Amino acid sequence: MDRLDSSLIALRRILRATELFGRELKQAAGITAVQFRVLQIIAETGQVTAKEISLRMRVSQATVTALVDRLVRDGMVLREKSALDRRQTNIQITPRGRQTLDEAPDPLQQRFVRNFSALEDWEQAMLVANLERVAAMLDAEDLDASPVLHSGDIKRATDI
């Protein structure tokens, strides 16, 4: 097998792993990987605004609003007006949302983070450079993407 085929197979394996994890998470917890990441951010901070989530995930506020709408509808988070600033709405996790986090399968990106963190500094730098190069080769360097391993379009309403 030549290098071209090997590289395409490696890319396909990465895409397939994210697809399979997304299905597993949806089946086990009833949420998408992107919704799961939003829940994690809310749980980490206690309460957060949509703007803060959008900055952390590097997606638009409109995308976050749609994600939070779905989580509110499913009873996993709630919106509450800030006591300090009436213009601000805080998002908080509910007991159901916390239970979903606790019972969900190990997120794919957390497996990656653990393994990536175990690499030497030079290996991390080399891997980041290579991944950025692959993104550039696919003309994907300017795409709106959050640090969530998810194979679908995060803006598609049916996935949100």
N, C-alpha and C. Protein backbone atom coordinates (compact mmCIF):
# COMPACT_ATOMS: atom_id res chain seq x y z
N MET A 1 0.85 -1.18 0.00
CA MET A 1 0.00 0.00 0.00
C MET A 1 0.89 1.24 0.00
N ASP A 2 0.55 2.21 -0.82
CA ASP A 2 1.37 3.42 -0.89
C ASP A 2 0.95 4.43 0.17
N ARG A 3 1.72 5.49 0.31
CA ARG A 3 1.47 6.50 1.35
C ARG A 3 0.15 7.22 1.16
N LEU A 4 -0.22 7.46 -0.10
CA LEU A 4 -1.48 8.14 -0.35
C LEU A 4 -2.64 7.31 0.20
N ASP A 5 -2.67 6.02 -0.13
CA ASP A 5 -3.73 5.16 0.38
C ASP A 5 -3.69 5.08 1.91
N SER A 6 -2.50 4.98 2.47
CA SER A 6 -2.37 4.92 3.93
C SER A 6 -2.91 6.18 4.59
N SER A 7 -2.62 7.34 4.00
CA SER A 7 -3.11 8.59 4.59
C SER A 7 -4.62 8.70 4.47
N LEU A 8 -5.19 8.29 3.34
CA LEU A 8 -6.65 8.33 3.18
C LEU A 8 -7.34 7.35 4.13
N ILE A 9 -6.73 6.20 4.35
CA ILE A 9 -7.29 5.23 5.29
C ILE A 9 -7.25 5.79 6.71
N ALA A 10 -6.15 6.44 7.08
CA ALA A 10 -6.05 7.03 8.42
C ALA A 10 -7.11 8.11 8.61
N LEU A 11 -7.31 8.96 7.61
CA LEU A 11 -8.36 9.99 7.69
C LEU A 11 -9.74 9.35 7.83
N ARG A 12 -9.98 8.31 7.06
CA ARG A 12 -11.28 7.63 7.12
C ARG A 12 -11.49 7.00 8.50
N ARG A 13 -10.44 6.44 9.09
CA ARG A 13 -10.55 5.85 10.43
C ARG A 13 -10.92 6.92 11.46
N ILE A 14 -10.31 8.09 11.33
CA ILE A 14 -10.62 9.19 12.26
C ILE A 14 -12.08 9.60 12.10
N LEU A 15 -12.51 9.78 10.86
CA LEU A 15 -13.91 10.16 10.62
C LEU A 15 -14.86 9.08 11.12
N ARG A 16 -14.52 7.84 10.89
CA ARG A 16 -15.37 6.73 11.33
C ARG A 16 -15.44 6.65 12.85
N ALA A 17 -14.31 6.88 13.53
CA ALA A 17 -14.30 6.85 15.00
C ALA A 17 -15.22 7.93 15.55
N THR A 18 -15.20 9.13 14.97
CA THR A 18 -16.07 10.20 15.46
C THR A 18 -17.53 9.88 15.17
N GLU A 19 -17.78 9.29 14.02
CA GLU A 19 -19.15 8.91 13.67
C GLU A 19 -19.69 7.84 14.62
N LEU A 20 -18.89 6.82 14.90
CA LEU A 20 -19.31 5.75 15.80
C LEU A 20 -19.52 6.26 17.22
N PHE A 21 -18.63 7.14 17.68
CA PHE A 21 -18.80 7.70 19.02
C PHE A 21 -20.08 8.53 19.08
N GLY A 22 -20.34 9.32 18.04
CA GLY A 22 -21.56 10.12 18.02
C GLY A 22 -22.80 9.27 18.14
N ARG A 23 -22.81 8.15 17.42
CA ARG A 23 -23.95 7.23 17.51
C ARG A 23 -24.07 6.63 18.90
N GLU A 24 -22.94 6.21 19.46
CA GLU A 24 -22.94 5.61 20.80
C GLU A 24 -23.45 6.61 21.83
N LEU A 25 -22.99 7.84 21.76
CA LEU A 25 -23.41 8.87 22.70
C LEU A 25 -24.89 9.17 22.54
N LYS A 26 -25.35 9.29 21.30
CA LYS A 26 -26.77 9.58 21.04
C LYS A 26 -27.65 8.46 21.59
N GLN A 27 -27.21 7.22 21.40
CA GLN A 27 -27.99 6.08 21.88
C GLN A 27 -27.97 5.98 23.41
N ALA A 28 -26.80 6.18 24.00
CA ALA A 28 -26.66 6.01 25.45
C ALA A 28 -27.21 7.19 26.24
N ALA A 29 -26.97 8.41 25.75
CA ALA A 29 -27.32 9.60 26.54
C ALA A 29 -28.41 10.46 25.90
N GLY A 30 -28.72 10.21 24.64
CA GLY A 30 -29.75 10.98 23.97
C GLY A 30 -29.32 12.35 23.51
N ILE A 31 -28.01 12.61 23.47
CA ILE A 31 -27.51 13.92 23.02
C ILE A 31 -26.37 13.72 22.03
N THR A 32 -26.08 14.78 21.30
CA THR A 32 -24.96 14.75 20.36
C THR A 32 -23.66 15.09 21.09
N ALA A 33 -22.54 14.87 20.43
CA ALA A 33 -21.24 15.19 21.02
C ALA A 33 -21.11 16.68 21.30
N VAL A 34 -21.67 17.50 20.44
CA VAL A 34 -21.60 18.96 20.63
C VAL A 34 -22.45 19.37 21.82
N GLN A 35 -23.64 18.80 21.94
CA GLN A 35 -24.48 19.07 23.11
C GLN A 35 -23.78 18.61 24.38
N PHE A 36 -23.11 17.48 24.31
CA PHE A 36 -22.38 16.96 25.46
C PHE A 36 -21.31 17.96 25.90
N ARG A 37 -20.59 18.53 24.93
CA ARG A 37 -19.54 19.50 25.27
C ARG A 37 -20.14 20.74 25.91
N VAL A 38 -21.29 21.20 25.42
CA VAL A 38 -21.95 22.35 26.04
C VAL A 38 -22.30 22.02 27.49
N LEU A 39 -22.85 20.83 27.73
CA LEU A 39 -23.16 20.41 29.10
C LEU A 39 -21.91 20.40 29.97
N GLN A 40 -20.80 19.90 29.43
CA GLN A 40 -19.55 19.87 30.19
C GLN A 40 -19.11 21.28 30.59
N ILE A 41 -19.18 22.21 29.66
CA ILE A 41 -18.76 23.59 29.94
C ILE A 41 -19.64 24.20 31.02
N ILE A 42 -20.93 23.98 30.91
CA ILE A 42 -21.85 24.52 31.92
C ILE A 42 -21.56 23.89 33.28
N ALA A 43 -21.34 22.58 33.31
CA ALA A 43 -21.06 21.88 34.57
C ALA A 43 -19.74 22.35 35.19
N GLU A 44 -18.74 22.62 34.36
CA GLU A 44 -17.43 23.06 34.86
C GLU A 44 -17.51 24.42 35.53
N THR A 45 -18.36 25.29 35.00
CA THR A 45 -18.39 26.67 35.49
C THR A 45 -19.52 26.95 36.48
N GLY A 46 -20.48 26.04 36.57
CA GLY A 46 -21.62 26.26 37.46
C GLY A 46 -22.73 27.02 36.77
N GLN A 47 -22.40 28.17 36.23
CA GLN A 47 -23.33 28.92 35.38
C GLN A 47 -22.51 29.70 34.38
N VAL A 48 -23.07 29.88 33.21
CA VAL A 48 -22.32 30.48 32.12
C VAL A 48 -23.30 31.15 31.17
N THR A 49 -22.82 32.09 30.39
CA THR A 49 -23.66 32.74 29.37
C THR A 49 -23.42 32.06 28.03
N ALA A 50 -24.34 32.27 27.11
CA ALA A 50 -24.19 31.73 25.76
C ALA A 50 -22.93 32.30 25.10
N LYS A 51 -22.65 33.55 25.37
CA LYS A 51 -21.46 34.18 24.79
C LYS A 51 -20.18 33.48 25.27
N GLU A 52 -20.13 33.17 26.56
CA GLU A 52 -18.94 32.49 27.10
C GLU A 52 -18.78 31.10 26.47
N ILE A 53 -19.90 30.39 26.28
CA ILE A 53 -19.83 29.07 25.64
C ILE A 53 -19.34 29.22 24.21
N SER A 54 -19.87 30.20 23.49
CA SER A 54 -19.47 30.39 22.09
C SER A 54 -17.99 30.72 21.97
N LEU A 55 -17.47 31.50 22.90
CA LEU A 55 -16.04 31.83 22.88
C LEU A 55 -15.19 30.58 23.16
N ARG A 56 -15.60 29.78 24.13
CA ARG A 56 -14.83 28.56 24.46
C ARG A 56 -14.87 27.54 23.34
N MET A 57 -16.02 27.42 22.68
CA MET A 57 -16.17 26.41 21.63
C MET A 57 -15.78 26.94 20.25
N ARG A 58 -15.58 28.24 20.16
CA ARG A 58 -15.24 28.90 18.89
C ARG A 58 -16.31 28.66 17.82
N VAL A 59 -17.56 28.86 18.23
CA VAL A 59 -18.69 28.82 17.31
C VAL A 59 -19.53 30.06 17.55
N SER A 60 -20.48 30.29 16.66
CA SER A 60 -21.31 31.50 16.79
C SER A 60 -22.27 31.38 17.97
N GLN A 61 -22.70 32.54 18.46
CA GLN A 61 -23.69 32.56 19.54
C GLN A 61 -25.01 31.96 19.09
N ALA A 62 -25.34 32.13 17.81
CA ALA A 62 -26.58 31.55 17.28
C ALA A 62 -26.53 30.02 17.37
N THR A 63 -25.38 29.44 17.10
CA THR A 63 -25.22 27.99 17.22
C THR A 63 -25.41 27.55 18.66
N VAL A 64 -24.80 28.29 19.58
CA VAL A 64 -24.93 27.97 21.00
C VAL A 64 -26.37 28.11 21.45
N THR A 65 -27.05 29.15 21.00
CA THR A 65 -28.45 29.35 21.38
C THR A 65 -29.30 28.15 20.95
N ALA A 66 -29.09 27.66 19.73
CA ALA A 66 -29.84 26.50 19.26
C ALA A 66 -29.52 25.25 20.08
N LEU A 67 -28.25 25.08 20.43
CA LEU A 67 -27.84 23.94 21.26
C LEU A 67 -28.48 24.02 22.64
N VAL A 68 -28.44 25.20 23.24
CA VAL A 68 -29.00 25.39 24.58
C VAL A 68 -30.52 25.24 24.54
N ASP A 69 -31.16 25.72 23.48
CA ASP A 69 -32.62 25.55 23.34
C ASP A 69 -32.98 24.07 23.45
N ARG A 70 -32.24 23.24 22.77
CA ARG A 70 -32.50 21.79 22.78
C ARG A 70 -32.27 21.21 24.18
N LEU A 71 -31.20 21.64 24.83
CA LEU A 71 -30.90 21.15 26.18
C LEU A 71 -31.95 21.61 27.19
N VAL A 72 -32.46 22.83 27.02
CA VAL A 72 -33.54 23.34 27.89
C VAL A 72 -34.79 22.49 27.66
N ARG A 73 -35.11 22.26 26.40
CA ARG A 73 -36.30 21.46 26.06
C ARG A 73 -36.23 20.06 26.67
N ASP A 74 -35.02 19.50 26.72
CA ASP A 74 -34.84 18.15 27.27
C ASP A 74 -34.63 18.15 28.78
N GLY A 75 -34.70 19.33 29.41
CA GLY A 75 -34.60 19.41 30.86
C GLY A 75 -33.20 19.23 31.42
N MET A 76 -32.18 19.45 30.60
CA MET A 76 -30.80 19.26 31.05
C MET A 76 -30.15 20.54 31.54
N VAL A 77 -30.64 21.67 31.07
CA VAL A 77 -30.14 22.97 31.54
C VAL A 77 -31.33 23.90 31.68
N LEU A 78 -31.11 25.01 32.38
CA LEU A 78 -32.14 26.04 32.45
C LEU A 78 -31.49 27.39 32.31
N ARG A 79 -32.29 28.31 31.80
CA ARG A 79 -31.86 29.70 31.66
C ARG A 79 -32.45 30.50 32.81
N GLU A 80 -31.64 31.42 33.32
CA GLU A 80 -32.09 32.25 34.43
C GLU A 80 -31.51 33.65 34.26
N LYS A 81 -32.34 34.65 34.42
CA LYS A 81 -31.85 36.04 34.34
C LYS A 81 -30.86 36.28 35.46
N SER A 82 -29.81 37.00 35.16
CA SER A 82 -28.78 37.33 36.14
C SER A 82 -29.35 38.29 37.18
N ALA A 83 -29.01 38.02 38.42
CA ALA A 83 -29.44 38.92 39.50
C ALA A 83 -28.64 40.22 39.46
N LEU A 84 -27.45 40.18 38.88
CA LEU A 84 -26.58 41.36 38.83
C LEU A 84 -26.81 42.23 37.60
N ASP A 85 -27.19 41.60 36.49
CA ASP A 85 -27.37 42.33 35.23
C ASP A 85 -28.59 41.75 34.51
N ARG A 86 -29.69 42.47 34.50
CA ARG A 86 -30.93 41.96 33.91
C ARG A 86 -30.80 41.65 32.42
N ARG A 87 -29.82 42.25 31.76
CA ARG A 87 -29.62 42.00 30.32
C ARG A 87 -28.97 40.64 30.07
N GLN A 88 -28.38 40.07 31.09
CA GLN A 88 -27.62 38.84 30.95
C GLN A 88 -28.45 37.64 31.41
N THR A 89 -28.35 36.55 30.65
CA THR A 89 -29.01 35.31 31.00
C THR A 89 -27.95 34.26 31.28
N ASN A 90 -28.05 33.65 32.45
CA ASN A 90 -27.11 32.59 32.82
C ASN A 90 -27.73 31.24 32.50
N ILE A 91 -26.88 30.31 32.14
CA ILE A 91 -27.33 28.95 31.84
C ILE A 91 -26.74 28.05 32.91
N GLN A 92 -27.60 27.23 33.51
CA GLN A 92 -27.17 26.33 34.59
C GLN A 92 -27.57 24.90 34.26
N ILE A 93 -26.79 23.96 34.74
CA ILE A 93 -27.11 22.55 34.53
C ILE A 93 -28.13 22.10 35.56
N THR A 94 -29.00 21.20 35.16
CA THR A 94 -30.00 20.63 36.06
C THR A 94 -29.51 19.27 36.57
N PRO A 95 -30.16 18.71 37.56
CA PRO A 95 -29.79 17.36 37.99
C PRO A 95 -29.85 16.34 36.85
N ARG A 96 -30.83 16.49 35.97
CA ARG A 96 -30.92 15.58 34.82
C ARG A 96 -29.70 15.74 33.89
N GLY A 97 -29.27 16.98 33.68
CA GLY A 97 -28.09 17.22 32.86
C GLY A 97 -26.84 16.63 33.48
N ARG A 98 -26.70 16.78 34.79
CA ARG A 98 -25.55 16.21 35.49
C ARG A 98 -25.56 14.69 35.41
N GLN A 99 -26.75 14.10 35.54
CA GLN A 99 -26.87 12.64 35.44
C GLN A 99 -26.49 12.17 34.03
N THR A 100 -26.88 12.93 33.03
CA THR A 100 -26.52 12.60 31.65
C THR A 100 -25.01 12.59 31.48
N LEU A 101 -24.34 13.60 32.04
CA LEU A 101 -22.87 13.64 31.97
C LEU A 101 -22.26 12.44 32.66
N ASP A 102 -22.78 12.11 33.84
CA ASP A 102 -22.22 11.01 34.63
C ASP A 102 -22.40 9.65 33.96
N GLU A 103 -23.50 9.47 33.24
CA GLU A 103 -23.82 8.17 32.67
C GLU A 103 -23.39 8.00 31.21
N ALA A 104 -22.94 9.08 30.58
CA ALA A 104 -22.56 9.02 29.17
C ALA A 104 -21.25 8.26 29.00
N PRO A 105 -21.05 7.66 27.82
CA PRO A 105 -19.77 6.99 27.56
C PRO A 105 -18.62 8.00 27.56
N ASP A 106 -17.42 7.51 27.77
CA ASP A 106 -16.22 8.34 27.79
C ASP A 106 -16.11 9.10 26.47
N PRO A 107 -16.16 10.44 26.51
CA PRO A 107 -16.10 11.20 25.27
C PRO A 107 -14.81 10.95 24.49
N LEU A 108 -14.97 10.84 23.19
CA LEU A 108 -13.85 10.58 22.30
C LEU A 108 -12.77 11.63 22.45
N GLN A 109 -13.18 12.90 22.55
CA GLN A 109 -12.16 13.95 22.67
C GLN A 109 -11.38 13.84 23.98
N GLN A 110 -12.02 13.31 25.04
CA GLN A 110 -11.29 13.16 26.30
C GLN A 110 -10.27 12.03 26.20
N ARG A 111 -10.59 11.00 25.43
CA ARG A 111 -9.59 9.94 25.17
C ARG A 111 -8.41 10.55 24.43
N PHE A 112 -8.72 11.39 23.44
CA PHE A 112 -7.66 12.06 22.69
C PHE A 112 -6.83 12.94 23.61
N VAL A 113 -7.49 13.73 24.46
CA VAL A 113 -6.78 14.64 25.36
C VAL A 113 -5.83 13.86 26.27
N ARG A 114 -6.31 12.76 26.83
CA ARG A 114 -5.45 11.95 27.71
C ARG A 114 -4.22 11.45 26.96
N ASN A 115 -4.43 10.90 25.77
CA ASN A 115 -3.30 10.37 25.00
C ASN A 115 -2.39 11.48 24.48
N PHE A 116 -2.97 12.59 24.05
CA PHE A 116 -2.19 13.73 23.57
C PHE A 116 -1.33 14.29 24.70
N SER A 117 -1.92 14.42 25.88
CA SER A 117 -1.21 14.98 27.04
C SER A 117 -0.03 14.10 27.46
N ALA A 118 -0.12 12.82 27.18
CA ALA A 118 0.96 11.90 27.54
C ALA A 118 2.15 11.99 26.58
N LEU A 119 1.97 12.65 25.45
CA LEU A 119 3.06 12.78 24.48
C LEU A 119 4.08 13.80 24.97
N GLU A 120 5.30 13.64 24.49
CA GLU A 120 6.35 14.63 24.75
C GLU A 120 5.97 15.94 24.07
N ASP A 121 6.51 17.04 24.56
CA ASP A 121 6.20 18.36 24.01
C ASP A 121 6.47 18.43 22.51
N TRP A 122 7.60 17.90 22.07
CA TRP A 122 7.93 17.95 20.65
C TRP A 122 6.96 17.12 19.82
N GLU A 123 6.47 16.01 20.39
CA GLU A 123 5.51 15.18 19.67
C GLU A 123 4.17 15.92 19.52
N GLN A 124 3.77 16.62 20.58
CA GLN A 124 2.54 17.40 20.52
C GLN A 124 2.64 18.48 19.44
N ALA A 125 3.76 19.19 19.44
CA ALA A 125 3.97 20.25 18.45
C ALA A 125 3.95 19.69 17.03
N MET A 126 4.60 18.56 16.83
CA MET A 126 4.65 17.93 15.51
C MET A 126 3.25 17.49 15.07
N LEU A 127 2.50 16.91 15.99
CA LEU A 127 1.16 16.44 15.66
C LEU A 127 0.23 17.61 15.32
N VAL A 128 0.29 18.69 16.10
CA VAL A 128 -0.53 19.87 15.81
C VAL A 128 -0.17 20.44 14.44
N ALA A 129 1.11 20.54 14.15
CA ALA A 129 1.55 21.07 12.85
C ALA A 129 1.04 20.20 11.71
N ASN A 130 1.11 18.90 11.88
CA ASN A 130 0.65 17.99 10.83
C ASN A 130 -0.87 18.05 10.66
N LEU A 131 -1.60 18.13 11.76
CA LEU A 131 -3.06 18.22 11.65
C LEU A 131 -3.48 19.54 11.01
N GLU A 132 -2.80 20.63 11.36
CA GLU A 132 -3.10 21.91 10.72
C GLU A 132 -2.79 21.86 9.23
N ARG A 133 -1.75 21.16 8.88
CA ARG A 133 -1.40 21.02 7.46
C ARG A 133 -2.46 20.21 6.71
N VAL A 134 -2.94 19.14 7.34
CA VAL A 134 -4.01 18.35 6.72
C VAL A 134 -5.25 19.22 6.53
N ALA A 135 -5.61 20.00 7.55
CA ALA A 135 -6.77 20.90 7.43
C ALA A 135 -6.57 21.87 6.26
N ALA A 136 -5.37 22.39 6.11
CA ALA A 136 -5.08 23.31 5.00
C ALA A 136 -5.18 22.58 3.66
N MET A 137 -4.71 21.34 3.61
CA MET A 137 -4.78 20.56 2.36
C MET A 137 -6.23 20.30 1.95
N LEU A 138 -7.12 20.28 2.92
CA LEU A 138 -8.54 20.06 2.65
C LEU A 138 -9.31 21.38 2.52
N ASP A 139 -8.56 22.51 2.46
CA ASP A 139 -9.16 23.84 2.41
C ASP A 139 -10.13 24.05 3.57
N ALA A 140 -9.76 23.55 4.74
CA ALA A 140 -10.65 23.61 5.90
C ALA A 140 -10.12 24.49 7.02
N GLU A 141 -9.05 25.22 6.77
CA GLU A 141 -8.45 25.99 7.85
C GLU A 141 -9.31 27.14 8.34
N ASP A 142 -10.26 27.60 7.53
CA ASP A 142 -11.10 28.73 7.93
C ASP A 142 -12.52 28.31 8.33
N LEU A 143 -12.77 27.02 8.43
CA LEU A 143 -14.10 26.56 8.81
C LEU A 143 -14.36 26.83 10.29
N ASP A 144 -15.61 27.16 10.61
CA ASP A 144 -16.05 27.35 11.99
C ASP A 144 -16.10 25.97 12.64
N ALA A 145 -15.21 25.72 13.59
CA ALA A 145 -15.15 24.39 14.20
C ALA A 145 -14.78 24.52 15.67
N SER A 146 -15.50 23.78 16.48
CA SER A 146 -15.20 23.77 17.91
C SER A 146 -14.25 22.61 18.22
N PRO A 147 -13.64 22.63 19.41
CA PRO A 147 -12.73 21.53 19.76
C PRO A 147 -13.51 20.31 20.25
N VAL A 148 -14.44 19.85 19.42
CA VAL A 148 -15.26 18.68 19.72
C VAL A 148 -15.12 17.71 18.57
N LEU A 149 -14.78 16.48 18.88
CA LEU A 149 -14.67 15.47 17.84
C LEU A 149 -16.07 15.02 17.47
N HIS A 150 -16.53 15.52 16.33
CA HIS A 150 -17.89 15.27 15.88
C HIS A 150 -17.86 15.29 14.36
N SER A 151 -18.49 14.31 13.72
CA SER A 151 -18.36 14.21 12.28
C SER A 151 -19.40 15.00 11.50
N GLY A 152 -20.46 15.48 12.15
CA GLY A 152 -21.51 16.20 11.43
C GLY A 152 -21.32 17.70 11.44
N ASP A 153 -22.22 18.39 10.74
CA ASP A 153 -22.22 19.84 10.72
C ASP A 153 -22.90 20.33 11.99
N ILE A 154 -22.16 21.04 12.85
CA ILE A 154 -22.70 21.43 14.14
C ILE A 154 -23.82 22.46 14.01
N LYS A 155 -24.00 23.04 12.83
CA LYS A 155 -25.04 24.05 12.66
C LYS A 155 -26.34 23.44 12.13
N ARG A 156 -26.34 22.19 11.77
CA ARG A 156 -27.53 21.56 11.22
C ARG A 156 -28.58 21.43 12.32
N ALA A 157 -29.75 21.96 12.09
CA ALA A 157 -30.78 22.00 13.11
C ALA A 157 -31.20 20.61 13.58
N THR A 158 -31.14 19.62 12.71
CA THR A 158 -31.57 18.28 13.12
C THR A 158 -30.62 17.63 14.10
N ASP A 159 -29.37 18.06 14.12
CA ASP A 159 -28.38 17.49 15.04
C ASP A 159 -28.32 18.25 16.35
N ILE A 160 -28.89 19.40 16.39
CA ILE A 160 -28.76 20.26 17.57
C ILE A 160 -29.72 19.91 18.63
